[in-house]
Amino acid sequence: MEIVVYDSNQPLRDQVLTYDANQEDFFAPDIVRGLARVKDPQAALGVFVVDEYDRSLIETALLKYYKTQCL
């Protein structure tokens, strides 16, 4: 399955994010290729891409978790 996504590092261009059901992974070589220290842009993404609202919820949960780890 392919979907078009927004990449804040390349705001003037839509990017393709592909989900491979056989490998159960997400791939976005055109996004990853521009990142520093990436050895294989064809490799699966190590993160799940979310919209701004979902990202806010994830960041809040991570902050809460790490606060408990630091106490």
C-alpha atoms as a PDB file:
ATOM      1  CA  MET A   1       0.000   0.000   0.000  1.00  0.00           C
ATOM      2  CA  GLU A   2       1.312   3.459  -0.896  1.00  0.00           C
ATOM      3  CA  ILE A   3       0.228   6.760   0.596  1.00  0.00           C
ATOM      4  CA  VAL A   4       1.442  10.287  -0.036  1.00  0.00           C
ATOM      5  CA  VAL A   5       2.825  12.025   3.051  1.00  0.00           C
ATOM      6  CA  TYR A   6       4.186  15.431   4.011  1.00  0.00           C
ATOM      7  CA  ASP A   7       7.888  15.596   4.849  1.00  0.00           C
ATOM      8  CA  SER A   8       8.821  18.775   6.731  1.00  0.00           C
ATOM      9  CA  ASN A   9      12.394  18.458   5.429  1.00  0.00           C
ATOM     10  CA  GLN A  10      11.079  18.664   1.850  1.00  0.00           C
ATOM     11  CA  PRO A  11       7.924  20.808   2.156  1.00  0.00           C
ATOM     12  CA  LEU A  12       7.517  21.577  -1.546  1.00  0.00           C
ATOM     13  CA  ARG A  13       7.225  17.959  -2.569  1.00  0.00           C
ATOM     14  CA  ASP A  14       4.872  15.133  -1.610  1.00  0.00           C
ATOM     15  CA  GLN A  15       6.621  11.926  -0.555  1.00  0.00           C
ATOM     16  CA  VAL A  16       5.574   8.310  -0.865  1.00  0.00           C
ATOM     17  CA  LEU A  17       5.332   6.073   2.184  1.00  0.00           C
ATOM     18  CA  THR A  18       4.894   2.386   1.411  1.00  0.00           C
ATOM     19  CA  TYR A  19       3.674  -0.357   3.720  1.00  0.00           C
ATOM     20  CA  ASP A  20       4.785  -3.854   2.739  1.00  0.00           C
ATOM     21  CA  ALA A  21       2.344  -6.362   4.239  1.00  0.00           C
ATOM     22  CA  ASN A  22       4.711  -9.274   3.582  1.00  0.00           C
ATOM     23  CA  GLN A  23       7.501  -7.670   5.607  1.00  0.00           C
ATOM     24  CA  GLU A  24       5.136  -5.815   7.971  1.00  0.00           C
ATOM     25  CA  ASP A  25       7.248  -2.666   7.650  1.00  0.00           C
ATOM     26  CA  PHE A  26       7.068   0.884   6.326  1.00  0.00           C
ATOM     27  CA  PHE A  27       9.441   2.122   3.627  1.00  0.00           C
ATOM     28  CA  ALA A  28      10.163   5.659   2.381  1.00  0.00           C
ATOM     29  CA  PRO A  29      13.499   5.663   0.523  1.00  0.00           C
ATOM     30  CA  ASP A  30      13.051   9.169  -0.927  1.00  0.00           C
ATOM     31  CA  ILE A  31      12.601  10.588   2.571  1.00  0.00           C
ATOM     32  CA  VAL A  32      15.360   8.549   4.213  1.00  0.00           C
ATOM     33  CA  ARG A  33      17.901   9.122   1.416  1.00  0.00           C
ATOM     34  CA  GLY A  34      18.360  12.770   2.460  1.00  0.00           C
ATOM     35  CA  LEU A  35      19.111  12.027   6.103  1.00  0.00           C
ATOM     36  CA  ALA A  36      22.648  12.069   7.427  1.00  0.00           C
ATOM     37  CA  ARG A  37      24.287   8.778   8.418  1.00  0.00           C
ATOM     38  CA  VAL A  38      21.755   6.572   6.662  1.00  0.00           C
ATOM     39  CA  LYS A  39      23.565   3.555   5.295  1.00  0.00           C
ATOM     40  CA  ASP A  40      20.667   2.019   3.370  1.00  0.00           C
ATOM     41  CA  PRO A  41      17.772   4.257   2.276  1.00  0.00           C
ATOM     42  CA  GLN A  42      15.949   1.138   1.061  1.00  0.00           C
ATOM     43  CA  ALA A  43      15.783  -0.234   4.615  1.00  0.00           C
ATOM     44  CA  ALA A  44      12.544  -0.168   6.589  1.00  0.00           C
ATOM     45  CA  LEU A  45      11.701   2.916   8.600  1.00  0.00           C
ATOM     46  CA  GLY A  46      12.466   2.590  12.282  1.00  0.00           C
ATOM     47  CA  VAL A  47       9.575   4.844  13.277  1.00  0.00           C
ATOM     48  CA  PHE A  48       5.874   5.152  12.673  1.00  0.00           C
ATOM     49  CA  VAL A  49       4.867   8.402  11.026  1.00  0.00           C
ATOM     50  CA  VAL A  50       1.935  10.232  12.634  1.00  0.00           C
ATOM     51  CA  ASP A  51       0.077  13.501  12.191  1.00  0.00           C
ATOM     52  CA  GLU A  52       0.652  16.547  14.417  1.00  0.00           C
ATOM     53  CA  TYR A  53      -2.184  15.722  16.843  1.00  0.00           C
ATOM     54  CA  ASP A  54      -1.097  12.102  17.303  1.00  0.00           C
ATOM     55  CA  ARG A  55       2.525  13.185  17.722  1.00  0.00           C
ATOM     56  CA  SER A  56       1.499  15.503  20.551  1.00  0.00           C
ATOM     57  CA  LEU A  57      -0.196  12.608  22.369  1.00  0.00           C
ATOM     58  CA  ILE A  58       2.866  10.395  21.897  1.00  0.00           C
ATOM     59  CA  GLU A  59       5.227  13.118  23.154  1.00  0.00           C
ATOM     60  CA  THR A  60       3.043  13.661  26.241  1.00  0.00           C
ATOM     61  CA  ALA A  61       3.064   9.929  26.998  1.00  0.00           C
ATOM     62  CA  LEU A  62       6.846   9.719  26.531  1.00  0.00           C
ATOM     63  CA  LEU A  63       7.416  12.720  28.801  1.00  0.00           C
ATOM     64  CA  LYS A  64       5.223  11.169  31.489  1.00  0.00           C
ATOM     65  CA  TYR A  65       7.067   7.859  31.190  1.00  0.00           C
ATOM     66  CA  TYR A  66      10.558   9.380  31.380  1.00  0.00           C
ATOM     67  CA  LYS A  67       9.597  11.611  34.318  1.00  0.00           C
ATOM     68  CA  THR A  68       8.742   8.466  36.292  1.00  0.00           C
ATOM     69  CA  GLN A  69      12.096   6.933  35.293  1.00  0.00           C
ATOM     70  CA  CYS A  70      14.003   9.972  36.574  1.00  0.00           C
ATOM     71  CA  LEU A  71      12.339  10.178  40.000  1.00  0.00           C
END
